[in-house]
Amino acid sequence: MQSTRDIFNNHTGNRLHKWNHYFEIYDRHFSRFVNKSPVIVEIGVSQGGSIDMWQKFFGPGLQYYGIDINPGCKKFERENVKIFIGSQSDRKFLKDICSRIPEPDIIIDDGGHTMDQQIVSFEELFSKLKFGGIYLCEDNHTSYWLNFGGGLKRKGTYIEYVKNLVDVQHLWYTGKNTNIPNRELKDKIYSIAFYDSIVVIEKEKIAAPFDVIQGELNVGYLDDGKPSFSERIKTLYHKIRIRLKYG
C-alpha cells in the first residue's frame, strides 16, 4: 500500500494542496478501507488533485462523490466519480445528495471552512454515514480565525461544537434529563480524535457501557471511592473560576 505522502510526493497533473502534517492522519484512519471499494464523499473538489490521490490510495473500486460550488468541477466526472454543484451550507441541497448516493464509508470536509459550513455539513451528512465509517473535517484552524467566524473559545465555532460532542459521548454518565444539543448521537459516536487542524469522528452503534470485574479482592479499599468534601470544594471552585473567565 502506498502512503498518501508518497502519492502526494509523486503527484503530477491536477493541483493538490495539503498541510504537510495531514498525510499520516489520513493513513492512520483510512488505511483499513484500502482495496475495499469504499464510498467517499468529499466536500471541496477544488482543482481535482485529491480525486487522483484518493483513487491511487484506495484502489480501482473507489466510488467518489464530490461537492463543490464551482460548476467547472463537473469536468472531473468519470465512471466512478460524480460531482454535485452547490453550497455545503444549503441543507436542502445536502439532503438531496443524501437521497441520491449510497451510505458513505468516509466523509471528508475540505470545503469553505467557515463555521456555518462545517457545522451544517456535519449535521446533514453524519446521519448518512455508514456505521463503522469516518467523518473527517480538516483545516479546523479556521475556528480561531475571525474572518472565518472563529476565535479562541468563541461560541459557535466548529471546534467548540465538537467539544460539545465529547459531552454527548459521555451522556451515559450524566443522567437521563441532561439537555444538550445532539444528545441523540450518544449511541453513535465511537471516538473523537483531535489533531492539529483536523477532527476525526468515528461512527459506530454504541451499547450502554458497563464495568466488569475479574479476580479476588485482597486488600480492600481505603474509602468508598467517592471524592472527599475538600475535593468537592476544590472542584466547585475550579468550575466557578472557569465560568467567570470564559462565561
C-alpha atoms as a PDB file:
ATOM      1  CA  MET A   1       0.000   0.000   0.000  1.00  0.00           C
ATOM      2  CA  GLN A   2       1.305   3.436  -0.943  1.00  0.00           C
ATOM      3  CA  SER A   3       1.090   6.081   1.754  1.00  0.00           C
ATOM      4  CA  THR A   4      -0.763   9.291   0.975  1.00  0.00           C
ATOM      5  CA  ARG A   5       2.528  11.160   1.435  1.00  0.00           C
ATOM      6  CA  ASP A   6       4.239   9.007  -1.197  1.00  0.00           C
ATOM      7  CA  ILE A   7       1.324   9.524  -3.556  1.00  0.00           C
ATOM      8  CA  PHE A   8       1.477  13.283  -2.972  1.00  0.00           C
ATOM      9  CA  ASN A   9       5.245  13.454  -3.480  1.00  0.00           C
ATOM     10  CA  ASN A  10       4.947  11.663  -6.829  1.00  0.00           C
ATOM     11  CA  HIS A  11       1.829  13.517  -7.936  1.00  0.00           C
ATOM     12  CA  THR A  12       1.652  15.432 -11.208  1.00  0.00           C
ATOM     13  CA  GLY A  13      -1.308  16.896 -13.030  1.00  0.00           C
ATOM     14  CA  ASN A  14      -4.278  18.457 -11.242  1.00  0.00           C
ATOM     15  CA  ARG A  15      -3.219  20.662  -8.335  1.00  0.00           C
ATOM     16  CA  LEU A  16      -3.189  19.030  -4.889  1.00  0.00           C
ATOM     17  CA  HIS A  17      -2.822  21.328  -1.856  1.00  0.00           C
ATOM     18  CA  LYS A  18      -2.441  19.913   1.684  1.00  0.00           C
ATOM     19  CA  TRP A  19      -0.856  20.829   5.003  1.00  0.00           C
ATOM     20  CA  ASN A  20       2.303  18.794   5.491  1.00  0.00           C
ATOM     21  CA  HIS A  21       1.185  17.044   8.697  1.00  0.00           C
ATOM     22  CA  TYR A  22      -2.111  15.712   7.282  1.00  0.00           C
ATOM     23  CA  PHE A  23      -0.805  12.645   5.465  1.00  0.00           C
ATOM     24  CA  GLU A  24      -0.046  10.479   8.496  1.00  0.00           C
ATOM     25  CA  ILE A  25      -3.509  11.288   9.861  1.00  0.00           C
ATOM     26  CA  TYR A  26      -5.104  10.136   6.611  1.00  0.00           C
ATOM     27  CA  ASP A  27      -3.108   6.903   6.664  1.00  0.00           C
ATOM     28  CA  ARG A  28      -3.958   6.190  10.298  1.00  0.00           C
ATOM     29  CA  HIS A  29      -7.708   6.450   9.800  1.00  0.00           C
ATOM     30  CA  PHE A  30      -8.222   5.478   6.153  1.00  0.00           C
ATOM     31  CA  SER A  31      -5.849   2.531   5.638  1.00  0.00           C
ATOM     32  CA  ARG A  32      -8.431  -0.091   6.596  1.00  0.00           C
ATOM     33  CA  PHE A  33     -10.530   0.947   3.589  1.00  0.00           C
ATOM     34  CA  VAL A  34      -7.780   0.384   1.008  1.00  0.00           C
ATOM     35  CA  ASN A  35      -8.879  -2.030  -1.751  1.00  0.00           C
ATOM     36  CA  LYS A  36     -12.301  -2.388  -0.054  1.00  0.00           C
ATOM     37  CA  SER A  37     -14.209  -0.365  -2.691  1.00  0.00           C
ATOM     38  CA  PRO A  38     -15.112   2.448  -0.273  1.00  0.00           C
ATOM     39  CA  VAL A  39     -17.732   5.095  -0.906  1.00  0.00           C
ATOM     40  CA  ILE A  40     -16.305   8.550  -0.242  1.00  0.00           C
ATOM     41  CA  VAL A  41     -17.950  11.960  -0.064  1.00  0.00           C
ATOM     42  CA  GLU A  42     -15.531  14.881  -0.257  1.00  0.00           C
ATOM     43  CA  ILE A  43     -16.610  18.482   0.199  1.00  0.00           C
ATOM     44  CA  GLY A  44     -14.207  20.700  -1.706  1.00  0.00           C
ATOM     45  CA  VAL A  45     -13.165  19.261  -5.064  1.00  0.00           C
ATOM     46  CA  SER A  46     -11.160  22.392  -5.933  1.00  0.00           C
ATOM     47  CA  GLN A  47      -8.623  21.612  -8.701  1.00  0.00           C
ATOM     48  CA  GLY A  48      -9.316  17.869  -8.746  1.00  0.00           C
ATOM     49  CA  GLY A  49      -5.988  16.709  -7.344  1.00  0.00           C
ATOM     50  CA  SER A  50      -7.489  14.999  -4.305  1.00  0.00           C
ATOM     51  CA  ILE A  51      -9.635  12.802  -6.563  1.00  0.00           C
ATOM     52  CA  ASP A  52      -6.451  11.446  -8.118  1.00  0.00           C
ATOM     53  CA  MET A  53      -4.826  10.935  -4.708  1.00  0.00           C
ATOM     54  CA  TRP A  54      -7.788   9.040  -3.270  1.00  0.00           C
ATOM     55  CA  GLN A  55      -8.083   6.923  -6.423  1.00  0.00           C
ATOM     56  CA  LYS A  56      -4.462   5.802  -6.110  1.00  0.00           C
ATOM     57  CA  PHE A  57      -4.719   5.301  -2.347  1.00  0.00           C
ATOM     58  CA  PHE A  58      -7.993   3.353  -2.134  1.00  0.00           C
ATOM     59  CA  GLY A  59      -7.737   1.438  -5.381  1.00  0.00           C
ATOM     60  CA  PRO A  60      -9.860   0.948  -8.502  1.00  0.00           C
ATOM     61  CA  GLY A  61     -13.065   0.138  -6.601  1.00  0.00           C
ATOM     62  CA  LEU A  62     -13.370   3.639  -5.151  1.00  0.00           C
ATOM     63  CA  GLN A  63     -16.751   5.359  -5.522  1.00  0.00           C
ATOM     64  CA  TYR A  64     -16.175   9.105  -5.198  1.00  0.00           C
ATOM     65  CA  TYR A  65     -18.840  11.766  -4.696  1.00  0.00           C
ATOM     66  CA  GLY A  66     -17.582  15.347  -4.667  1.00  0.00           C
ATOM     67  CA  ILE A  67     -19.305  18.554  -3.590  1.00  0.00           C
ATOM     68  CA  ASP A  68     -18.185  21.990  -4.766  1.00  0.00           C
ATOM     69  CA  ILE A  69     -19.660  25.406  -5.526  1.00  0.00           C
ATOM     70  CA  ASN A  70     -17.631  25.773  -8.728  1.00  0.00           C
ATOM     71  CA  PRO A  71     -19.533  24.446 -11.783  1.00  0.00           C
ATOM     72  CA  GLY A  72     -16.185  23.886 -13.503  1.00  0.00           C
ATOM     73  CA  CYS A  73     -15.572  20.919 -11.209  1.00  0.00           C
ATOM     74  CA  LYS A  74     -18.053  18.878 -13.268  1.00  0.00           C
ATOM     75  CA  LYS A  75     -15.170  18.327 -15.718  1.00  0.00           C
ATOM     76  CA  PHE A  76     -13.644  15.835 -13.261  1.00  0.00           C
ATOM     77  CA  GLU A  77     -16.552  13.404 -13.543  1.00  0.00           C
ATOM     78  CA  ARG A  78     -15.846   9.939 -14.874  1.00  0.00           C
ATOM     79  CA  GLU A  79     -17.158   6.417 -14.398  1.00  0.00           C
ATOM     80  CA  ASN A  80     -16.600   6.247 -10.630  1.00  0.00           C
ATOM     81  CA  VAL A  81     -16.622   9.998  -9.917  1.00  0.00           C
ATOM     82  CA  LYS A  82     -19.789  12.084  -9.509  1.00  0.00           C
ATOM     83  CA  ILE A  83     -19.688  15.811  -8.731  1.00  0.00           C
ATOM     84  CA  PHE A  84     -22.563  17.762  -7.175  1.00  0.00           C
ATOM     85  CA  ILE A  85     -22.550  21.543  -7.592  1.00  0.00           C
ATOM     86  CA  GLY A  86     -23.939  23.605  -4.727  1.00  0.00           C
ATOM     87  CA  SER A  87     -23.271  25.100  -1.321  1.00  0.00           C
ATOM     88  CA  GLN A  88     -22.325  22.921   1.626  1.00  0.00           C
ATOM     89  CA  SER A  89     -24.293  25.259   3.907  1.00  0.00           C
ATOM     90  CA  ASP A  90     -27.502  24.604   1.938  1.00  0.00           C
ATOM     91  CA  ARG A  91     -29.367  21.990   3.975  1.00  0.00           C
ATOM     92  CA  LYS A  92     -31.856  21.254   1.195  1.00  0.00           C
ATOM     93  CA  PHE A  93     -29.000  20.639  -1.255  1.00  0.00           C
ATOM     94  CA  LEU A  94     -27.239  18.267   1.152  1.00  0.00           C
ATOM     95  CA  LYS A  95     -30.461  16.393   1.910  1.00  0.00           C
ATOM     96  CA  ASP A  96     -30.980  15.892  -1.824  1.00  0.00           C
ATOM     97  CA  ILE A  97     -27.459  14.479  -2.192  1.00  0.00           C
ATOM     98  CA  CYS A  98     -28.093  12.055   0.677  1.00  0.00           C
ATOM     99  CA  SER A  99     -31.167  10.766  -1.121  1.00  0.00           C
ATOM    100  CA  ARG A 100     -29.147  10.040  -4.272  1.00  0.00           C
ATOM    101  CA  ILE A 101     -25.996   8.321  -3.007  1.00  0.00           C
ATOM    102  CA  PRO A 102     -25.204   5.113  -1.098  1.00  0.00           C
ATOM    103  CA  GLU A 103     -24.098   5.294   2.532  1.00  0.00           C
ATOM    104  CA  PRO A 104     -20.522   6.631   2.594  1.00  0.00           C
ATOM    105  CA  ASP A 105     -17.669   4.899   4.380  1.00  0.00           C
ATOM    106  CA  ILE A 106     -15.779   8.180   4.601  1.00  0.00           C
ATOM    107  CA  ILE A 107     -16.848  11.829   4.572  1.00  0.00           C
ATOM    108  CA  ILE A 108     -14.160  14.498   4.185  1.00  0.00           C
ATOM    109  CA  ASP A 109     -14.983  18.169   4.738  1.00  0.00           C
ATOM    110  CA  ASP A 110     -12.336  20.231   2.959  1.00  0.00           C
ATOM    111  CA  GLY A 111     -14.759  22.871   1.754  1.00  0.00           C
ATOM    112  CA  GLY A 112     -15.104  26.558   2.570  1.00  0.00           C
ATOM    113  CA  HIS A 113     -14.008  26.157   6.207  1.00  0.00           C
ATOM    114  CA  THR A 114     -16.454  28.684   7.695  1.00  0.00           C
ATOM    115  CA  MET A 115     -18.191  27.729  10.924  1.00  0.00           C
ATOM    116  CA  ASP A 116     -21.668  27.561   9.414  1.00  0.00           C
ATOM    117  CA  GLN A 117     -20.464  25.422   6.509  1.00  0.00           C
ATOM    118  CA  GLN A 118     -18.699  22.905   8.732  1.00  0.00           C
ATOM    119  CA  ILE A 119     -21.498  22.595  11.283  1.00  0.00           C
ATOM    120  CA  VAL A 120     -24.332  22.374   8.742  1.00  0.00           C
ATOM    121  CA  SER A 121     -22.426  19.765   6.734  1.00  0.00           C
ATOM    122  CA  PHE A 122     -21.873  17.599   9.811  1.00  0.00           C
ATOM    123  CA  GLU A 123     -25.498  17.878  10.897  1.00  0.00           C
ATOM    124  CA  GLU A 124     -26.809  16.876   7.480  1.00  0.00           C
ATOM    125  CA  LEU A 125     -24.258  14.238   6.452  1.00  0.00           C
ATOM    126  CA  PHE A 126     -23.257  12.368   9.623  1.00  0.00           C
ATOM    127  CA  SER A 127     -26.622  10.589   9.743  1.00  0.00           C
ATOM    128  CA  LYS A 128     -25.961   9.241   6.227  1.00  0.00           C
ATOM    129  CA  LEU A 129     -22.501   7.933   7.170  1.00  0.00           C
ATOM    130  CA  LYS A 130     -22.266   4.165   7.428  1.00  0.00           C
ATOM    131  CA  PHE A 131     -21.734   2.620  10.864  1.00  0.00           C
ATOM    132  CA  GLY A 132     -18.021   1.909  11.054  1.00  0.00           C
ATOM    133  CA  GLY A 133     -17.391   4.982   8.919  1.00  0.00           C
ATOM    134  CA  ILE A 134     -15.174   8.031   9.368  1.00  0.00           C
ATOM    135  CA  TYR A 135     -16.141  11.722   9.341  1.00  0.00           C
ATOM    136  CA  LEU A 136     -13.042  13.888   8.892  1.00  0.00           C
ATOM    137  CA  CYS A 137     -13.161  17.684   8.905  1.00  0.00           C
ATOM    138  CA  GLU A 138      -9.924  19.462   8.114  1.00  0.00           C
ATOM    139  CA  ASP A 139      -8.438  22.953   8.279  1.00  0.00           C
ATOM    140  CA  ASN A 140     -10.042  23.496  11.675  1.00  0.00           C
ATOM    141  CA  HIS A 141      -7.544  26.261  12.443  1.00  0.00           C
ATOM    142  CA  THR A 142     -10.238  28.484  10.910  1.00  0.00           C
ATOM    143  CA  SER A 143     -12.098  28.024  14.210  1.00  0.00           C
ATOM    144  CA  TYR A 144      -9.529  30.504  15.547  1.00  0.00           C
ATOM    145  CA  TRP A 145      -9.599  32.957  12.623  1.00  0.00           C
ATOM    146  CA  LEU A 146     -12.026  35.881  12.867  1.00  0.00           C
ATOM    147  CA  ASN A 147     -12.508  36.187   9.109  1.00  0.00           C
ATOM    148  CA  PHE A 148     -13.960  32.652   9.057  1.00  0.00           C
ATOM    149  CA  GLY A 149     -16.237  33.291  12.044  1.00  0.00           C
ATOM    150  CA  GLY A 150     -13.761  31.836  14.519  1.00  0.00           C
ATOM    151  CA  GLY A 151     -11.960  32.984  17.648  1.00  0.00           C
ATOM    152  CA  LEU A 152     -10.361  31.410  20.707  1.00  0.00           C
ATOM    153  CA  LYS A 153     -13.109  29.911  22.913  1.00  0.00           C
ATOM    154  CA  ARG A 154     -15.678  31.651  20.732  1.00  0.00           C
ATOM    155  CA  LYS A 155     -19.127  30.094  20.846  1.00  0.00           C
ATOM    156  CA  GLY A 156     -20.367  28.738  17.540  1.00  0.00           C
ATOM    157  CA  THR A 157     -17.041  27.584  16.123  1.00  0.00           C
ATOM    158  CA  TYR A 158     -16.666  24.060  14.805  1.00  0.00           C
ATOM    159  CA  ILE A 159     -14.054  23.233  17.451  1.00  0.00           C
ATOM    160  CA  GLU A 160     -16.406  24.327  20.253  1.00  0.00           C
ATOM    161  CA  TYR A 161     -19.219  22.410  18.541  1.00  0.00           C
ATOM    162  CA  VAL A 162     -17.181  19.201  18.568  1.00  0.00           C
ATOM    163  CA  LYS A 163     -16.133  19.770  22.180  1.00  0.00           C
ATOM    164  CA  ASN A 164     -19.839  19.547  22.953  1.00  0.00           C
ATOM    165  CA  LEU A 165     -19.905  16.176  21.165  1.00  0.00           C
ATOM    166  CA  VAL A 166     -17.402  14.920  23.749  1.00  0.00           C
ATOM    167  CA  ASP A 167     -20.084  15.629  26.360  1.00  0.00           C
ATOM    168  CA  VAL A 168     -22.645  13.855  24.177  1.00  0.00           C
ATOM    169  CA  GLN A 169     -20.342  10.840  24.040  1.00  0.00           C
ATOM    170  CA  HIS A 170     -20.447  10.708  27.862  1.00  0.00           C
ATOM    171  CA  LEU A 171     -24.174  11.307  28.396  1.00  0.00           C
ATOM    172  CA  TRP A 172     -24.443   7.758  29.739  1.00  0.00           C
ATOM    173  CA  TYR A 173     -22.973   9.087  32.988  1.00  0.00           C
ATOM    174  CA  THR A 174     -24.885  12.356  33.393  1.00  0.00           C
ATOM    175  CA  GLY A 175     -28.498  11.288  33.942  1.00  0.00           C
ATOM    176  CA  LYS A 176     -31.414  10.938  31.553  1.00  0.00           C
ATOM    177  CA  ASN A 177     -32.589  14.552  31.779  1.00  0.00           C
ATOM    178  CA  THR A 178     -29.395  16.167  30.515  1.00  0.00           C
ATOM    179  CA  ASN A 179     -30.487  18.644  27.862  1.00  0.00           C
ATOM    180  CA  ILE A 180     -27.670  19.445  25.425  1.00  0.00           C
ATOM    181  CA  PRO A 181     -27.593  19.608  21.612  1.00  0.00           C
ATOM    182  CA  ASN A 182     -27.049  16.419  19.608  1.00  0.00           C
ATOM    183  CA  ARG A 183     -27.910  14.136  22.534  1.00  0.00           C
ATOM    184  CA  GLU A 184     -29.368  11.676  20.006  1.00  0.00           C
ATOM    185  CA  LEU A 185     -25.799  10.903  18.875  1.00  0.00           C
ATOM    186  CA  LYS A 186     -24.655   9.418  22.189  1.00  0.00           C
ATOM    187  CA  ASP A 187     -25.074   5.861  20.882  1.00  0.00           C
ATOM    188  CA  LYS A 188     -23.471   6.646  17.506  1.00  0.00           C
ATOM    189  CA  ILE A 189     -20.161   8.346  18.336  1.00  0.00           C
ATOM    190  CA  TYR A 190     -17.448   5.750  18.936  1.00  0.00           C
ATOM    191  CA  SER A 191     -14.459   8.072  19.014  1.00  0.00           C
ATOM    192  CA  ILE A 192     -13.456  11.705  18.542  1.00  0.00           C
ATOM    193  CA  ALA A 193      -9.819  12.376  17.679  1.00  0.00           C
ATOM    194  CA  PHE A 194      -8.403  15.908  17.752  1.00  0.00           C
ATOM    195  CA  TYR A 195      -5.297  16.705  15.729  1.00  0.00           C
ATOM    196  CA  ASP A 196      -3.738  19.986  14.680  1.00  0.00           C
ATOM    197  CA  SER A 197      -6.438  21.363  12.343  1.00  0.00           C
ATOM    198  CA  ILE A 198      -8.222  18.009  11.890  1.00  0.00           C
ATOM    199  CA  VAL A 199     -11.061  16.371  13.816  1.00  0.00           C
ATOM    200  CA  VAL A 200     -11.904  12.732  13.091  1.00  0.00           C
ATOM    201  CA  ILE A 201     -15.193  11.254  14.315  1.00  0.00           C
ATOM    202  CA  GLU A 202     -15.817   7.519  14.035  1.00  0.00           C
ATOM    203  CA  LYS A 203     -19.403   6.310  13.876  1.00  0.00           C
ATOM    204  CA  GLU A 204     -20.489   3.034  15.460  1.00  0.00           C
ATOM    205  CA  LYS A 205     -23.510   1.506  17.164  1.00  0.00           C
ATOM    206  CA  ILE A 206     -22.764   2.030  20.855  1.00  0.00           C
ATOM    207  CA  ALA A 207     -24.384  -0.100  23.562  1.00  0.00           C
ATOM    208  CA  ALA A 208     -24.811   1.218  27.098  1.00  0.00           C
ATOM    209  CA  PRO A 209     -21.435   0.872  28.861  1.00  0.00           C
ATOM    210  CA  PHE A 210     -20.949  -1.377  31.864  1.00  0.00           C
ATOM    211  CA  ASP A 211     -17.977  -2.319  34.008  1.00  0.00           C
ATOM    212  CA  VAL A 212     -16.616  -5.828  34.531  1.00  0.00           C
ATOM    213  CA  ILE A 213     -14.570  -7.321  37.369  1.00  0.00           C
ATOM    214  CA  GLN A 214     -12.258 -10.320  37.459  1.00  0.00           C
ATOM    215  CA  GLY A 215     -10.134 -11.688  40.304  1.00  0.00           C
ATOM    216  CA  GLU A 216     -10.361 -11.670  44.106  1.00  0.00           C
ATOM    217  CA  LEU A 217     -10.422  -8.676  46.440  1.00  0.00           C
ATOM    218  CA  ASN A 218      -7.238  -8.958  48.513  1.00  0.00           C
ATOM    219  CA  VAL A 219      -6.574  -5.768  50.487  1.00  0.00           C
ATOM    220  CA  GLY A 220      -9.893  -3.920  50.299  1.00  0.00           C
ATOM    221  CA  TYR A 221     -10.338  -0.203  49.633  1.00  0.00           C
ATOM    222  CA  LEU A 222      -9.357   2.778  51.765  1.00  0.00           C
ATOM    223  CA  ASP A 223     -12.595   4.635  51.074  1.00  0.00           C
ATOM    224  CA  ASP A 224     -15.875   4.266  49.248  1.00  0.00           C
ATOM    225  CA  GLY A 225     -14.424   5.615  46.004  1.00  0.00           C
ATOM    226  CA  LYS A 226     -16.247   8.953  46.328  1.00  0.00           C
ATOM    227  CA  PRO A 227     -14.381  12.297  46.379  1.00  0.00           C
ATOM    228  CA  SER A 228     -13.815  13.822  49.806  1.00  0.00           C
ATOM    229  CA  PHE A 229     -15.538  17.017  50.919  1.00  0.00           C
ATOM    230  CA  SER A 230     -12.362  19.036  50.322  1.00  0.00           C
ATOM    231  CA  GLU A 231     -12.007  17.568  46.824  1.00  0.00           C
ATOM    232  CA  ARG A 232     -15.608  18.521  46.037  1.00  0.00           C
ATOM    233  CA  ILE A 233     -14.957  22.091  47.233  1.00  0.00           C
ATOM    234  CA  LYS A 234     -11.858  22.334  45.030  1.00  0.00           C
ATOM    235  CA  THR A 235     -13.842  21.082  42.034  1.00  0.00           C
ATOM    236  CA  LEU A 236     -16.607  23.630  42.648  1.00  0.00           C
ATOM    237  CA  TYR A 237     -14.039  26.427  42.992  1.00  0.00           C
ATOM    238  CA  HIS A 238     -12.426  25.398  39.714  1.00  0.00           C
ATOM    239  CA  LYS A 239     -15.794  25.387  37.913  1.00  0.00           C
ATOM    240  CA  ILE A 240     -16.591  28.880  39.219  1.00  0.00           C
ATOM    241  CA  ARG A 241     -13.214  30.193  38.013  1.00  0.00           C
ATOM    242  CA  ILE A 242     -13.752  28.713  34.553  1.00  0.00           C
ATOM    243  CA  ARG A 243     -17.281  30.146  34.354  1.00  0.00           C
ATOM    244  CA  LEU A 244     -16.100  33.628  35.378  1.00  0.00           C
ATOM    245  CA  LYS A 245     -13.194  33.528  32.924  1.00  0.00           C
ATOM    246  CA  TYR A 246     -14.965  32.168  29.848  1.00  0.00           C
ATOM    247  CA  GLY A 247     -18.662  32.741  30.547  1.00  0.00           C
END
